[in-house]
Amino acid sequence: VQAASSEVSDHLSSKLLSKTHTRSAVNLPSRLSLLVFITFSVRSQDIRNTVGNIPMEWYKDYPHIGYDLEGKKIFKPIRNKDELDEFLDKMENPDYWRTVQDKMTGADIRLSDEQVDLVHRLQQGKFGDVNFNEYEPAIDFFSNEVMIHPVTNRPQDKRSFIPSLIEKEKVGKLVHAIKMGWIKPRRPKETTPQYYDLWAKEDPNSILGRHKMHVPAPKMKLPGHEESYNPPPEYLLSEEERLAWEQQDPEYRKLSFLPQKFACLRAVPAYSRFIHEQFERCLDLYLCPRQRKMRVNVNPEDLIPKLPKPKDLQPFPTTQSLVYRGHSSLVRSISISPSGQWLVSGSDDCTVRFWEVSTARCLKTVEVGGAVKGVAWNPNPSICLVAVSYDDTVVLLNPGLGDRLVCTATDQLISSYEEPEEVMDQSVQWAVAEGEGHEQGHRLILKHPKAVRQVTWHGKGDYLACVMPDNGSSLQVVIHQVSKRRTQNPFRKNKGLVQCVSFHPIRPYFFVATQRYVRVYNLIKQELTKKLMANCKWISSMAIHPGGDNVICGSYDCRLAWFDLDLSTKPYKVLRHHKKALRSVAYHRHYPLFASGSDDGSVIVCHGMVYNDLLQNPLIVPVKVLKGHTITHDLGVLDVTFHPTQPWVFSSGADGTVRLFT
């Protein structure tokens, strides 16, 4: 390169000096400077790294990156740019995107338009050369036409006529190997088919046994008169029977189809469930066990758990003693006074009735402005108050029954309230009843923003919890303090649709049941303590054991789940005694009894003994099915509650009656 550059400079200088007679002397310095620039550019641009095809990582720890043609070190360019400088260069330098680093020299090279275009073409999978046409027509050199003049007309050589000596030697060796038996000729393929005996190694006794144990496929049931296209009239269903058949679950139906009558066989349409039934038949055939299993002789009585006899678990309610009649519509809720002398019931006929328990006499009827959804008698014996919920209103009633001193003290407690100086904004409006309502027993009226479904008291009798189910709202549960007339929303956000709530009988815990879970909150720490999984589709009701360590939940899918809070968050026992949805569950305050009411019109009383020994599990024994309510509009028993001192159970039903079982 050095020699070439000196030659270029000599040639240019001789050219310039030869033309000085035609040029003025003034232009001579500029020509010389041009010559010097060209020579410098030729030398400076040709920095070539001569290290060869080696990994450039070897020079990572050195200040130079290789050697040029003269053997001098090529030093790395000083790169002291941090990420901020790199970013500014990216934003300000318009040629940043076309600048690449040469790994051999470490210098930054700006790609020309032709090089950028080449890169783009290669990225798109095109040819590098722009002018190359990949779709040129192919030239068929050897066409199918026989030409006059051959492509090659070379005469055949001499060795194509003489036998090859090398091949003769190879054939001789193969003949010698065959004679010696080293190479054996291939046998001709046998065309006869081969058969294998699959059962050749099997024990003959097992084959006989398998034939003996063979079970033929179950035969389909032959069609009867009801499947005829022209059945006798007694097989055809009436309108009521047809409606009842449609409402039944498919597994409970006696017939899987409706018998129909047609004038002639031509009028019979195609059977819509033909493919379904044939598919189920195929499933039956291939899933049917075709081998007889050896039957284990087990005494059936050994499989039944050893439970005590119901006679040993007395007392518990067995017979219907009294029927409390008077409501004209279904009785949704009942509650009993702490003394056990009075009973209150709320009905859809917009009335609340107070009954004497021992005589079934209605002592008082209070009319309210809507269908009553819930009633709850204050559990504190020193306060005579009943909470009644209808629509979006909760009314606190003083029935005026029992001890007059208690009733007077209750009125004095409500009237002695003094309003605070600072009035707080509350979601519920408190109002004192006046006029005719006050004479009927109304004392306080609480207006809620939504319809109230359930009311329940705290054990001390000052706090009242109300449930307003609404899936899209955070205001589903409110807790009222009667003495201070204050309302609070304990939850900033409700998880799911709240079904019912309950206070713990002893500890400061609050139970909230949604559709599938029961959450237990600590009211002092204000945190979630436990989350119980009910393993059912929709919880309807909940009751807490007086000891506080066990909970029962009833659900609309006919299940009753018993939770042992010390044991697990999953049910300890799931009882499926009812055939329809459970509406209400209740514990007895003193006896080891609990009851459940269902839409099948029955109340099932169970013995549920909880032991003080933590190692012993609760004993659950169903003892009695109590019937008496008639099913009305597919609804049976709507609420159950126990007498506070006696082993008696009260139930309210859709037939408008309240019944006492003793």
Foldseek 3Di string as FASTA:
>chain_A
DVVVLVVVLVVQVVVVVVCPVVPDPVCVVVSVVVSVVVSVCVVVVQFDFDPPPDDQVVCVPPQFRHAGPVRDTQGADDDPDDVVNVVVCVVPPPQPVQWDADSRRRDIDGDDPLVVVQVVCVVVVHDSDPPDDPPDDDDDPDDPDDDPDDPDDDDDDDVVPDDDPVVVVVVVVVVVCVVVVVDDDDDDDDPDDDDDDPCPPPDPVVVVVLVVFFDDQDDDDDDDQLQDQAHDPVSADDPVRVVVQVPDDCVPHPDNDGRHHDPDPVPDDDDPCPVVVVVVSVVSRVVPDGGDDDDDDDDVVVPDDDDDALVVQDDFFAFFDDKQFDFPFFWQEKEAELVLQKIWTFAQVQKIWIAGVVPSDTPAIDGHDGGWQYKYAQNANLAGWMWIFGWQKIWIFRQCDDDVVSSVVNLCLQVVADADPDDDDDQKDKDADDDPCVVSGTGIMIGHPGGWRYWDAANNRQKIKTAHWDFVDQQGIWIAGRNNRDIDRLTPHDDATWQDKDAQNPAQWIWTDHQFWIWIARPVVSGTDAIAGAPDGGWAEKEAANVRQWIWTFFQCQWIFICGNVPDSYGPDIDRPDPGGWQEKYAANPAQKIWTDGLVQKIWIWRWDDDPPPVDDIDIGTNHIGHDFDRDPSGHWNYKYARRPDSKIWTTTRNRMIIIGD
